[in-house]
Amino acid sequence: MARVLVVITPAEGHVNPSLGLITELVKLGEDVVYVCVEEYRSRIEQTGAKVMTYPFAEDAFSHEPTLKPLAYRHPYQFLHMVTCGIIPRMIPEVLRLIEHETFDYLIYDSLMGWGGQILAEKLGIPSVCTIASFASVEPASIENGEVINTRELYEAIMNKAKEIATTYKVSLPAVEEMMAHNAQLNIVYTSRYFQPRAEELHDRFLFTGSSIIPREDAPEFPFYLLRERHTKTVYISMGTILNKNLEFYKLCFDALKDQPVNVVLSSGKYTDITSIEGMIPDNFIVRPYVAQIEILQHADVFVTHAGMNSVSEALYFDVPLVMIPMTSDQPFVAGRVKELGAGIVLDQHHLNAIQLQEAIMETLHNPIYKEQAHLIGKSLKEAGGCTFAATAIMQQFAKV
């Protein structure tokens, strides 16, 4: 039995995919210590792992300037968020918690970037990187994206990186390597079919498909209403970070209020919808939080921001998508879904109720979208899942 340290960025789309893998490792006898924030304690404890928590402001990715996602126009903007936002907040807290602990290997989240390798170097142990989006085929390049003030970003990144390297007495990577997948094993929660340019990735990348695990703490939902009202159901969720746009919710009301469909809208735990409650149409069910895996098994179309975790869960259940990407990797993910024919992409900046209605109705009634979603879903199911991932980790790292 090996002792395993797990450190995942405290965000729904990164914690949730890790839970199935950790459950399987615990079943196989590994002693797992999962370091995260108190908000996720209950669902992590359901895996059988021990939980250690550190302070991290709730909803920090929505309101803290350095962490708040942008419509990234250049890789340095994303790297700045990781190096100047995530690493300084997470790494000191993790090292403080495990100061007197020893581990045999580390599992860390790719969103931590260089932070994962800092922990591995400090502890002197091998590492596994879990990738909740597509794997990067090549290092970030200064030529990618629009021309912005890259010099200022570069200087801010490197100044902070030098400070971190000095503080923790670790090696300083080149800027191009700070987000590289340099772990001994990289678990990618998608399939080779869905991953762009998968043939260019080396054999340290393991494609395991969507990580699907039932949530024991999922809130109750009146599924019987979906059977009593209409035959088709539209599910709308803009994730847990970009879900406070009440004007968008009003747009959804206008687009679907007269349509013969059930609409389930997840408005967000931190979103105050008091001002629009009187506008909610009769065919809508609005909840602050919906157990997504459960509702997707009843949905016919998913309107989403195209976060990778949401997209993967939808496609696993063969649900086609209407995507309104906003930030981070969302445009890239949405583009891949569109390329494979499983959904429609809309522009958030030029969107009205008629366009949204037409996209949803097209996706609902044109069978090609469902067929293509099924093809991707089939590849995700056949990839091997968390059991495959856990077995691979055990073969490489477990103690005899």
Protein backbone atom coordinates (compact mmCIF):
# COMPACT_ATOMS: atom_id res chain seq x y z
CA MET A 1 0.00 0.00 0.00
CA ALA A 2 1.34 3.41 -1.01
CA ARG A 3 0.59 6.72 0.63
CA VAL A 4 -0.76 9.16 -1.93
CA LEU A 5 -1.03 12.95 -1.82
CA VAL A 6 -3.81 14.42 -3.98
CA VAL A 7 -3.93 18.17 -4.63
CA ILE A 8 -6.63 19.50 -6.94
CA THR A 9 -7.55 23.11 -7.72
CA PRO A 10 -10.71 23.96 -5.70
CA ALA A 11 -13.15 24.27 -8.60
CA GLU A 12 -16.12 22.04 -9.52
CA GLY A 13 -14.79 21.17 -12.96
CA HIS A 14 -11.52 19.92 -11.48
CA VAL A 15 -12.56 18.32 -8.20
CA ASN A 16 -15.51 16.39 -9.62
CA PRO A 17 -13.56 14.48 -12.31
CA SER A 18 -11.00 13.39 -9.71
CA LEU A 19 -13.52 11.69 -7.41
CA GLY A 20 -13.97 8.50 -9.42
CA LEU A 21 -10.22 7.98 -9.71
CA ILE A 22 -9.67 8.48 -5.98
CA THR A 23 -12.53 6.10 -5.18
CA GLU A 24 -10.86 3.39 -7.26
CA LEU A 25 -7.43 3.95 -5.72
CA VAL A 26 -8.88 3.64 -2.22
CA LYS A 27 -10.63 0.42 -3.26
CA LEU A 28 -7.28 -0.91 -4.44
CA GLY A 29 -5.81 -0.28 -0.99
CA GLU A 30 -3.98 3.03 -1.42
CA ASP A 31 -3.82 5.37 1.58
CA VAL A 32 -5.00 8.62 0.01
CA VAL A 33 -4.75 12.08 1.55
CA TYR A 34 -6.72 14.64 -0.45
CA VAL A 35 -5.85 18.30 0.19
CA CYS A 36 -8.54 20.76 -0.85
CA VAL A 37 -10.98 23.29 0.67
CA GLU A 38 -13.78 22.74 3.16
CA GLU A 39 -16.48 23.28 0.53
CA TYR A 40 -15.64 19.92 -1.06
CA ARG A 41 -15.06 17.90 2.10
CA SER A 42 -18.26 15.84 2.03
CA ARG A 43 -17.96 14.67 -1.55
CA ILE A 44 -14.23 13.88 -1.16
CA GLU A 45 -14.90 11.89 2.01
CA GLN A 46 -17.33 9.74 0.04
CA THR A 47 -14.35 8.40 -1.91
CA GLY A 48 -12.80 7.00 1.27
CA ALA A 49 -9.85 9.42 1.18
CA LYS A 50 -8.66 11.37 4.20
CA VAL A 51 -9.29 15.10 3.79
CA MET A 52 -7.07 18.01 4.82
CA THR A 53 -8.37 21.51 4.14
CA TYR A 54 -6.96 25.01 3.80
CA PRO A 55 -8.70 28.41 3.58
CA PHE A 56 -9.71 29.64 0.14
CA ALA A 57 -12.40 32.23 -0.40
CA GLU A 58 -15.68 30.72 -1.60
CA ASP A 59 -16.51 31.79 -5.12
CA ALA A 60 -12.97 33.18 -5.47
CA PHE A 61 -12.82 32.38 -9.19
CA SER A 62 -15.80 34.68 -9.74
CA HIS A 63 -14.64 37.79 -7.92
CA GLU A 64 -10.88 37.83 -7.26
CA PRO A 65 -9.19 39.79 -10.08
CA THR A 66 -6.15 37.52 -10.45
CA LEU A 67 -8.25 34.34 -10.48
CA LYS A 68 -11.30 35.52 -12.40
CA PRO A 69 -11.37 33.82 -15.83
CA LEU A 70 -10.94 36.01 -18.89
CA ALA A 71 -11.59 35.63 -22.57
CA TYR A 72 -7.91 34.75 -22.96
CA ARG A 73 -6.39 36.23 -26.10
CA HIS A 74 -2.88 35.00 -25.39
CA PRO A 75 -1.41 32.03 -23.45
CA TYR A 76 0.44 34.42 -21.13
CA GLN A 77 -2.88 35.67 -19.73
CA PHE A 78 -3.74 32.14 -18.60
CA LEU A 79 -0.21 31.55 -17.34
CA HIS A 80 -0.41 34.78 -15.33
CA MET A 81 -3.59 33.55 -13.62
CA VAL A 82 -1.88 30.27 -12.68
CA THR A 83 1.50 31.65 -11.63
CA CYS A 84 0.33 34.82 -9.88
CA GLY A 85 -3.07 33.58 -8.69
CA ILE A 86 -3.33 29.83 -8.13
CA ILE A 87 0.22 28.85 -7.14
CA PRO A 88 0.73 31.56 -4.46
CA ARG A 89 -2.63 30.73 -2.88
CA MET A 90 -2.36 26.93 -2.95
CA ILE A 91 1.27 25.84 -2.61
CA PRO A 92 2.06 27.53 0.76
CA GLU A 93 -1.15 26.14 2.27
CA VAL A 94 -0.53 22.62 1.01
CA LEU A 95 3.08 22.60 2.25
CA ARG A 96 1.94 23.90 5.63
CA LEU A 97 -0.64 21.12 5.99
CA ILE A 98 1.72 18.28 5.01
CA GLU A 99 4.84 19.61 6.75
CA HIS A 100 5.28 16.48 8.86
CA GLU A 101 3.81 13.99 6.38
CA THR A 102 5.48 11.66 3.91
CA PHE A 103 4.07 10.31 0.65
CA ASP A 104 5.05 7.88 -2.07
CA TYR A 105 3.60 9.74 -5.05
CA LEU A 106 1.60 12.85 -5.89
CA ILE A 107 -1.56 13.33 -7.95
CA TYR A 108 -2.11 16.93 -8.96
CA ASP A 109 -4.40 18.91 -11.22
CA SER A 110 -3.09 20.35 -14.50
CA LEU A 111 -4.61 23.76 -13.67
CA MET A 112 -1.90 24.09 -11.02
CA GLY A 113 0.68 24.09 -13.82
CA TRP A 114 4.20 24.41 -12.45
CA GLY A 115 2.72 24.24 -8.93
CA GLY A 116 2.33 20.47 -9.21
CA GLN A 117 6.00 20.04 -10.07
CA ILE A 118 6.98 22.33 -7.19
CA LEU A 119 5.25 19.94 -4.79
CA ALA A 120 6.80 16.87 -6.43
CA GLU A 121 10.28 18.42 -6.32
CA LYS A 122 9.94 19.56 -2.72
CA LEU A 123 8.71 16.13 -1.59
CA GLY A 124 11.11 14.19 -3.80
CA ILE A 125 8.36 11.93 -5.18
CA PRO A 126 7.03 11.02 -8.64
CA SER A 127 3.82 12.60 -9.88
CA VAL A 128 0.64 12.00 -11.82
CA CYS A 129 -1.07 14.93 -13.52
CA THR A 130 -4.84 14.75 -14.05
CA ILE A 131 -6.11 16.80 -16.98
CA ALA A 132 -9.74 17.88 -16.84
CA SER A 133 -9.63 19.52 -20.28
CA PHE A 134 -7.87 18.61 -23.50
CA ALA A 135 -4.18 17.85 -23.17
CA SER A 136 -1.86 20.52 -24.59
CA VAL A 137 -0.17 19.21 -27.69
CA GLU A 138 2.55 21.88 -27.70
CA PRO A 139 3.94 24.42 -25.22
CA ALA A 140 2.40 27.88 -25.03
CA SER A 141 3.90 30.15 -27.64
CA ILE A 142 4.23 33.91 -27.74
CA GLU A 143 2.98 33.86 -31.33
CA ASN A 144 -0.41 32.38 -30.39
CA GLY A 145 -3.43 34.63 -30.05
CA GLU A 146 -3.87 38.36 -30.59
CA VAL A 147 -1.08 40.85 -30.04
CA ILE A 148 -1.40 42.31 -26.55
CA ASN A 149 1.12 43.67 -24.04
CA THR A 150 3.02 40.41 -23.72
CA ARG A 151 6.15 42.03 -22.33
CA GLU A 152 4.31 43.31 -19.26
CA LEU A 153 2.65 39.92 -18.74
CA TYR A 154 5.95 38.09 -19.23
CA GLU A 155 7.70 40.26 -16.68
CA ALA A 156 4.94 39.80 -14.11
CA ILE A 157 4.99 36.03 -14.62
CA MET A 158 8.76 35.68 -14.39
CA ASN A 159 9.11 38.03 -11.43
CA LYS A 160 6.57 35.99 -9.48
CA ALA A 161 8.10 32.71 -10.68
CA LYS A 162 11.59 33.76 -9.54
CA GLU A 163 10.18 34.74 -6.16
CA ILE A 164 8.45 31.35 -5.83
CA ALA A 165 11.55 29.42 -6.92
CA THR A 166 13.70 31.28 -4.41
CA THR A 167 11.20 30.86 -1.58
CA TYR A 168 10.84 27.11 -2.04
CA LYS A 169 14.36 26.42 -3.33
CA VAL A 170 13.15 24.73 -6.51
CA SER A 171 14.30 24.95 -10.10
CA LEU A 172 12.85 27.68 -12.31
CA PRO A 173 11.42 26.44 -15.64
CA ALA A 174 11.31 28.41 -18.86
CA VAL A 175 8.02 30.22 -19.34
CA GLU A 176 7.08 27.79 -22.13
CA GLU A 177 7.37 24.88 -19.70
CA MET A 178 5.28 26.29 -16.84
CA MET A 179 2.05 24.70 -18.08
CA ALA A 180 3.64 21.68 -19.76
CA HIS A 181 2.44 18.22 -18.74
CA ASN A 182 5.73 16.98 -17.27
CA ALA A 183 4.48 14.36 -14.83
CA GLN A 184 5.56 10.74 -15.14
CA LEU A 185 1.97 9.89 -16.05
CA ASN A 186 -0.80 12.16 -17.34
CA ILE A 187 -4.42 11.06 -16.92
CA VAL A 188 -6.66 12.79 -19.48
CA TYR A 189 -10.40 12.60 -18.72
CA THR A 190 -11.42 12.26 -22.36
CA SER A 191 -11.05 9.86 -25.27
CA ARG A 192 -8.52 9.74 -28.07
CA TYR A 193 -11.40 10.36 -30.48
CA PHE A 194 -12.45 13.58 -28.76
CA GLN A 195 -8.90 14.84 -28.03
CA PRO A 196 -7.59 17.01 -30.89
CA ARG A 197 -4.29 15.83 -32.39
CA ALA A 198 -4.12 12.88 -30.01
CA GLU A 199 -1.65 11.11 -32.28
CA GLU A 200 0.97 13.76 -31.43
CA LEU A 201 0.96 13.00 -27.70
CA HIS A 202 3.53 10.60 -26.25
CA ASP A 203 2.81 7.41 -24.33
CA ARG A 204 2.84 9.14 -20.92
CA PHE A 205 -0.69 10.36 -21.76
CA LEU A 206 -3.47 7.97 -20.79
CA PHE A 207 -6.96 8.71 -22.16
CA THR A 208 -9.53 7.33 -19.75
CA GLY A 209 -12.82 8.97 -20.80
CA SER A 210 -15.28 10.95 -18.70
CA SER A 211 -15.05 10.53 -14.94
CA ILE A 212 -18.62 9.77 -13.89
CA ILE A 213 -19.51 9.05 -10.27
CA PRO A 214 -22.93 9.47 -8.61
CA ARG A 215 -23.15 12.23 -6.03
CA GLU A 216 -24.44 10.89 -2.71
CA ASP A 217 -24.99 14.45 -1.48
CA ALA A 218 -26.92 15.51 -4.58
CA PRO A 219 -29.98 17.68 -3.83
CA GLU A 220 -33.37 16.17 -4.48
CA PHE A 221 -35.06 17.07 -7.75
CA PRO A 222 -38.70 16.64 -8.88
CA PHE A 223 -38.03 14.40 -11.87
CA TYR A 224 -41.70 13.40 -11.93
CA LEU A 225 -42.52 16.90 -13.22
CA LEU A 226 -40.49 16.20 -16.34
CA ARG A 227 -42.63 13.15 -17.08
CA GLU A 228 -45.89 14.96 -16.44
CA ARG A 229 -45.32 18.07 -18.56
CA HIS A 230 -43.58 17.62 -21.91
CA THR A 231 -41.70 14.87 -23.75
CA LYS A 232 -38.52 16.92 -24.28
CA THR A 233 -36.27 18.54 -21.67
CA VAL A 234 -33.74 21.34 -22.09
CA TYR A 235 -31.13 21.73 -19.37
CA ILE A 236 -29.37 25.09 -18.92
CA SER A 237 -26.28 25.65 -16.78
CA MET A 238 -23.43 28.12 -17.20
CA GLY A 239 -21.23 26.35 -14.67
CA THR A 240 -20.26 27.47 -11.20
CA ILE A 241 -18.15 30.52 -12.08
CA LEU A 242 -19.90 32.33 -14.95
CA ASN A 243 -23.49 31.92 -13.83
CA LYS A 244 -24.48 35.34 -12.49
CA ASN A 245 -25.73 36.88 -15.73
CA LEU A 246 -29.41 37.55 -15.03
CA GLU A 247 -29.86 39.10 -18.47
CA PHE A 248 -28.91 35.77 -20.01
CA TYR A 249 -31.49 34.00 -17.86
CA LYS A 250 -34.15 36.46 -19.03
CA LEU A 251 -33.06 35.70 -22.59
CA CYS A 252 -33.66 32.00 -21.89
CA PHE A 253 -37.13 32.80 -20.52
CA ASP A 254 -38.01 34.71 -23.71
CA ALA A 255 -36.58 32.02 -25.98
CA LEU A 256 -38.36 29.04 -24.43
CA LYS A 257 -41.45 30.26 -22.56
CA ASP A 258 -43.82 29.37 -25.42
CA GLN A 259 -42.10 26.15 -26.48
CA PRO A 260 -43.50 22.68 -25.61
CA VAL A 261 -40.44 21.67 -23.61
CA ASN A 262 -39.43 21.29 -19.99
CA VAL A 263 -36.60 23.64 -19.06
CA VAL A 264 -34.35 23.00 -16.06
CA LEU A 265 -32.14 25.99 -15.24
CA SER A 266 -29.33 25.79 -12.69
CA SER A 267 -28.82 29.40 -11.62
CA GLY A 268 -25.84 28.97 -9.30
CA LYS A 269 -25.39 28.73 -5.55
CA TYR A 270 -24.11 32.30 -5.29
CA THR A 271 -26.55 33.93 -7.73
CA ASP A 272 -29.32 36.13 -6.37
CA ILE A 273 -32.29 35.71 -8.72
CA THR A 274 -34.81 37.55 -6.52
CA SER A 275 -35.27 40.32 -9.09
CA ILE A 276 -36.29 37.90 -11.87
CA GLU A 277 -38.26 35.28 -9.92
CA GLY A 278 -41.56 36.81 -11.07
CA MET A 279 -40.53 36.33 -14.71
CA ILE A 280 -39.92 32.57 -14.56
CA PRO A 281 -42.20 30.86 -17.12
CA ASP A 282 -44.43 27.92 -16.15
CA ASN A 283 -42.38 25.40 -18.14
CA PHE A 284 -39.16 26.30 -16.22
CA ILE A 285 -37.79 24.67 -13.09
CA VAL A 286 -35.11 26.94 -11.60
CA ARG A 287 -32.79 25.72 -8.86
CA PRO A 288 -29.60 27.21 -7.38
CA TYR A 289 -27.85 23.88 -7.83
CA VAL A 290 -28.78 20.79 -9.80
CA ALA A 291 -27.07 17.39 -9.70
CA GLN A 292 -25.79 17.55 -13.25
CA ILE A 293 -25.07 13.88 -13.84
CA GLU A 294 -28.60 12.97 -12.78
CA ILE A 295 -30.36 15.68 -14.82
CA LEU A 296 -28.34 14.90 -17.96
CA GLN A 297 -29.85 11.43 -17.98
CA HIS A 298 -33.24 13.11 -18.51
CA ALA A 299 -32.12 15.91 -20.87
CA ASP A 300 -32.46 16.09 -24.64
CA VAL A 301 -30.33 19.23 -25.12
CA PHE A 302 -27.82 20.96 -22.84
CA VAL A 303 -27.29 24.73 -23.08
CA THR A 304 -23.84 25.29 -21.59
CA HIS A 305 -20.80 27.55 -21.35
CA ALA A 306 -18.82 24.62 -22.80
CA GLY A 307 -16.66 23.94 -19.76
CA MET A 308 -14.85 20.66 -20.40
CA ASN A 309 -16.34 18.85 -17.42
CA SER A 310 -19.90 19.81 -18.38
CA VAL A 311 -19.34 18.92 -22.03
CA SER A 312 -17.79 15.55 -21.13
CA GLU A 313 -20.65 14.64 -18.82
CA ALA A 314 -23.24 15.59 -21.44
CA LEU A 315 -21.58 13.63 -24.22
CA TYR A 316 -21.14 10.61 -21.94
CA PHE A 317 -24.94 10.51 -21.80
CA ASP A 318 -25.27 11.22 -25.56
CA VAL A 319 -26.75 14.69 -24.98
CA PRO A 320 -26.13 17.21 -27.82
CA LEU A 321 -25.14 20.75 -26.92
CA VAL A 322 -25.91 24.39 -27.56
CA MET A 323 -22.71 26.12 -26.47
CA ILE A 324 -22.06 29.73 -25.49
CA PRO A 325 -18.32 29.75 -24.68
CA MET A 326 -17.05 32.65 -22.62
CA THR A 327 -13.53 32.15 -21.34
CA SER A 328 -10.52 29.87 -20.75
CA ASP A 329 -10.61 26.72 -22.87
CA GLN A 330 -14.34 26.97 -23.57
CA PRO A 331 -14.07 28.29 -27.17
CA PHE A 332 -11.62 25.48 -27.96
CA VAL A 333 -13.86 22.81 -26.41
CA ALA A 334 -16.95 24.20 -28.14
CA GLY A 335 -15.09 24.26 -31.45
CA ARG A 336 -14.18 20.60 -31.11
CA VAL A 337 -17.80 19.61 -30.37
CA LYS A 338 -18.97 21.60 -33.40
CA GLU A 339 -16.23 20.06 -35.55
CA LEU A 340 -17.48 16.57 -34.64
CA GLY A 341 -21.10 17.57 -35.27
CA ALA A 342 -22.51 17.18 -31.75
CA GLY A 343 -23.60 20.74 -31.12
CA ILE A 344 -24.06 24.36 -32.14
CA VAL A 345 -21.88 27.28 -31.03
CA LEU A 346 -23.39 30.73 -30.36
CA ASP A 347 -21.59 34.05 -29.89
CA GLN A 348 -22.21 35.47 -26.41
CA HIS A 349 -21.66 39.01 -27.69
CA HIS A 350 -24.29 38.82 -30.44
CA LEU A 351 -27.05 36.69 -28.99
CA ASN A 352 -30.78 37.24 -28.88
CA ALA A 353 -33.79 35.15 -27.89
CA ILE A 354 -34.63 34.15 -31.47
CA GLN A 355 -31.10 32.88 -32.16
CA LEU A 356 -31.08 30.92 -28.92
CA GLN A 357 -34.52 29.44 -29.60
CA GLU A 358 -33.57 28.45 -33.15
CA ALA A 359 -30.34 26.77 -32.02
CA ILE A 360 -32.10 24.79 -29.30
CA MET A 361 -34.94 23.71 -31.61
CA GLU A 362 -32.47 22.72 -34.34
CA THR A 363 -30.48 20.62 -31.89
CA LEU A 364 -33.65 19.07 -30.47
CA HIS A 365 -35.23 18.08 -33.76
CA ASN A 366 -32.32 17.36 -36.13
CA PRO A 367 -31.20 13.79 -35.30
CA ILE A 368 -27.65 14.31 -36.59
CA TYR A 369 -26.64 16.11 -33.38
CA LYS A 370 -27.84 13.25 -31.20
CA GLU A 371 -26.11 10.72 -33.46
CA GLN A 372 -22.79 12.54 -33.30
CA ALA A 373 -23.09 13.04 -29.54
CA HIS A 374 -23.63 9.28 -29.28
CA LEU A 375 -20.41 8.60 -31.24
CA ILE A 376 -18.36 10.77 -28.89
CA GLY A 377 -20.19 9.32 -25.88
CA LYS A 378 -19.39 5.81 -27.06
CA SER A 379 -15.69 6.66 -27.26
CA LEU A 380 -15.79 8.16 -23.75
CA LYS A 381 -17.45 5.04 -22.30
CA GLU A 382 -15.06 2.67 -24.07
CA ALA A 383 -11.91 4.54 -22.94
CA GLY A 384 -11.75 2.54 -19.71
CA GLY A 385 -12.78 5.07 -17.08
CA CYS A 386 -11.50 5.45 -13.55
CA THR A 387 -10.79 1.74 -13.10
CA PHE A 388 -8.41 1.83 -16.06
CA ALA A 389 -6.75 5.01 -14.74
CA ALA A 390 -6.32 3.63 -11.22
CA THR A 391 -4.88 0.36 -12.51
CA ALA A 392 -2.33 2.23 -14.62
CA ILE A 393 -1.28 4.34 -11.65
CA MET A 394 -0.94 1.28 -9.43
CA GLN A 395 1.19 -0.53 -12.02
CA GLN A 396 3.60 2.39 -12.20
CA PHE A 397 3.70 3.74 -8.66
CA ALA A 398 2.17 1.39 -6.10
CA LYS A 399 4.38 -0.13 -3.42
CA VAL A 400 4.59 -3.91 -3.34
